Amino acid sequence: MTKTTYNNPYHPYPYEMRGQCAEKQEKDKTRFFEIFSIKYDEEEIKRLKENDMFEHSGYDTYIERLNRPITDSDNVFYLYKFETYYADPNQDEIELFNESSDCYETYYFQNIDELLEFANHKWGLVLSDFVPSYETHIPSY
């Protein structure tokens, strides 16, 4: 995968990326992928820590589990969570789909390029594999 340098303070995903979900058939199972993002705001994090609210904010999980420490916070605009799991693509109801899911893996990144490079290296995914959830077998709520 060609290394890109997408780092936009106003939009968490490359404009060429149609969505944040993907699925891939692996042997007799279907693996699903989902990307989530949260705006990285140092002032908000500082305020949350000062008010003992950081641990309940969502930021704590993203920051504590990053693939590497944040060393250049001026160039970090979003934090990313990348989830993958197996599930039965034939389940149309969200509850049954969730019950069928297993083998969850979750990874955290401070850069979408690192996330995409990781997904490419580990599962062969490319930018165009990510589509809106309604184009996958992930049921809507």
Protein backbone atom coordinates (compact mmCIF):
# COMPACT_ATOMS: atom_id res chain seq x y z
CA MET A 1 0.00 0.00 0.00
CA THR A 2 1.34 3.40 -0.92
CA LYS A 3 1.99 5.51 2.15
CA THR A 4 -0.19 8.60 2.17
CA THR A 5 -0.06 11.60 4.41
CA TYR A 6 -3.67 12.37 5.17
CA ASN A 7 -3.83 14.63 8.18
CA ASN A 8 -6.72 17.06 8.08
CA PRO A 9 -7.76 19.00 11.20
CA TYR A 10 -11.28 19.44 9.83
CA HIS A 11 -12.19 15.96 8.64
CA PRO A 12 -11.15 12.63 10.21
CA TYR A 13 -11.17 10.52 7.03
CA PRO A 14 -9.65 10.88 3.56
CA TYR A 15 -12.21 12.24 1.13
CA GLU A 16 -11.65 9.21 -1.11
CA MET A 17 -12.77 6.95 1.73
CA ARG A 18 -16.46 6.23 1.11
CA GLY A 19 -17.20 4.88 4.60
CA GLN A 20 -15.78 3.40 7.76
CA CYS A 21 -16.88 -0.25 7.40
CA ALA A 22 -15.56 -3.24 5.50
CA GLU A 23 -16.06 -6.96 5.38
CA LYS A 24 -13.94 -9.77 4.05
CA GLN A 25 -14.59 -13.46 3.59
CA GLU A 26 -11.99 -15.61 5.38
CA LYS A 27 -12.29 -19.36 4.80
CA ASP A 28 -15.74 -20.18 6.18
CA LYS A 29 -16.25 -16.97 8.17
CA THR A 30 -16.90 -13.31 7.43
CA ARG A 31 -14.68 -10.76 9.14
CA PHE A 32 -16.09 -7.27 9.67
CA PHE A 33 -14.12 -4.06 10.21
CA GLU A 34 -15.28 -0.75 11.66
CA ILE A 35 -13.41 2.51 12.19
CA PHE A 36 -14.43 5.09 14.79
CA SER A 37 -12.86 8.47 15.44
CA ILE A 38 -12.81 11.03 18.21
CA LYS A 39 -11.55 14.60 17.91
CA TYR A 40 -8.27 15.05 19.78
CA ASP A 41 -8.60 18.19 21.87
CA GLU A 42 -5.79 18.83 24.37
CA GLU A 43 -7.70 21.60 26.14
CA GLU A 44 -10.73 19.35 26.62
CA ILE A 45 -8.52 16.52 27.89
CA LYS A 46 -6.82 18.88 30.33
CA ARG A 47 -10.21 20.12 31.59
CA LEU A 48 -11.47 16.56 32.02
CA LYS A 49 -8.39 15.57 33.99
CA GLU A 50 -8.65 18.65 36.22
CA ASN A 51 -12.27 17.75 37.01
CA ASP A 52 -11.57 14.03 37.54
CA MET A 53 -13.76 13.18 34.56
CA PHE A 54 -11.10 11.91 32.17
CA GLU A 55 -11.61 8.23 33.04
CA HIS A 56 -15.29 8.46 32.07
CA SER A 57 -14.86 10.54 28.94
CA GLY A 58 -13.94 8.00 26.26
CA TYR A 59 -10.64 9.76 25.71
CA ASP A 60 -9.02 7.56 28.36
CA THR A 61 -9.53 4.36 26.37
CA TYR A 62 -8.31 5.86 23.12
CA ILE A 63 -5.20 7.45 24.66
CA GLU A 64 -4.21 4.61 26.99
CA ARG A 65 -4.41 2.01 24.24
CA LEU A 66 -2.76 3.90 21.38
CA ASN A 67 -0.32 1.96 19.24
CA ARG A 68 2.39 4.42 20.36
CA PRO A 69 2.58 7.49 22.64
CA ILE A 70 1.61 10.89 21.28
CA THR A 71 4.88 12.73 20.79
CA ASP A 72 3.81 15.48 18.39
CA SER A 73 0.41 16.60 19.61
CA ASP A 74 0.36 19.56 17.21
CA ASN A 75 -0.09 17.08 14.36
CA VAL A 76 -2.70 14.85 16.01
CA PHE A 77 -6.23 15.95 15.20
CA TYR A 78 -8.21 12.73 15.66
CA LEU A 79 -7.78 9.44 17.47
CA TYR A 80 -9.02 6.25 15.84
CA LYS A 81 -10.41 2.96 17.07
CA PHE A 82 -10.28 0.05 14.64
CA GLU A 83 -12.47 -2.93 15.49
CA THR A 84 -12.61 -6.26 13.73
CA TYR A 85 -14.66 -9.34 14.48
CA TYR A 86 -16.32 -12.35 12.90
CA ALA A 87 -20.10 -12.42 12.56
CA ASP A 88 -22.81 -14.17 10.60
CA PRO A 89 -23.62 -12.00 7.56
CA ASN A 90 -26.98 -13.73 7.20
CA GLN A 91 -28.36 -12.18 10.40
CA ASP A 92 -30.58 -9.22 9.49
CA GLU A 93 -31.47 -8.22 13.04
CA ILE A 94 -28.83 -6.34 15.01
CA GLU A 95 -29.37 -8.39 18.18
CA LEU A 96 -28.85 -11.70 16.34
CA PHE A 97 -25.90 -10.27 14.43
CA ASN A 98 -24.29 -9.17 17.70
CA GLU A 99 -24.95 -12.57 19.28
CA SER A 100 -23.23 -14.25 16.33
CA SER A 101 -20.11 -12.09 16.64
CA ASP A 102 -16.88 -13.32 18.18
CA CYS A 103 -13.09 -12.98 18.06
CA TYR A 104 -13.12 -9.22 18.63
CA GLU A 105 -9.87 -7.34 18.14
CA THR A 106 -9.52 -3.63 18.82
CA TYR A 107 -6.62 -1.35 17.91
CA TYR A 108 -6.08 2.37 18.52
CA PHE A 109 -4.21 4.85 16.33
CA GLN A 110 -3.42 8.55 16.31
CA ASN A 111 -3.21 8.73 12.54
CA ILE A 112 -5.51 7.34 9.84
CA ASP A 113 -2.52 6.53 7.63
CA GLU A 114 -1.09 4.22 10.30
CA LEU A 115 -4.45 2.55 10.71
CA LEU A 116 -4.83 1.97 6.96
CA GLU A 117 -1.26 0.70 6.65
CA PHE A 118 -1.90 -1.73 9.52
CA ALA A 119 -5.18 -2.94 7.97
CA ASN A 120 -3.44 -3.45 4.64
CA HIS A 121 -0.52 -5.34 6.15
CA LYS A 122 -2.63 -7.59 8.40
CA TRP A 123 -5.73 -8.20 6.22
CA GLY A 124 -4.95 -6.81 2.77
CA LEU A 125 -7.53 -4.02 3.06
CA VAL A 126 -7.18 -0.88 0.96
CA LEU A 127 -8.90 2.50 1.15
CA SER A 128 -11.58 1.51 -1.37
CA ASP A 129 -12.63 -1.49 0.77
CA PHE A 130 -14.13 0.88 3.34
CA VAL A 131 -17.73 1.70 2.53
CA PRO A 132 -20.83 2.95 4.38
CA SER A 133 -22.27 0.36 6.77
CA TYR A 134 -25.40 -0.06 4.62
CA GLU A 135 -23.16 -1.49 1.86
CA THR A 136 -22.01 -4.27 4.21
CA HIS A 137 -23.93 -7.01 5.97
CA ILE A 138 -23.83 -5.07 9.24
CA PRO A 139 -27.49 -4.53 10.17
CA SER A 140 -28.63 -1.02 10.98
CA TYR A 141 -30.06 -0.17 14.38
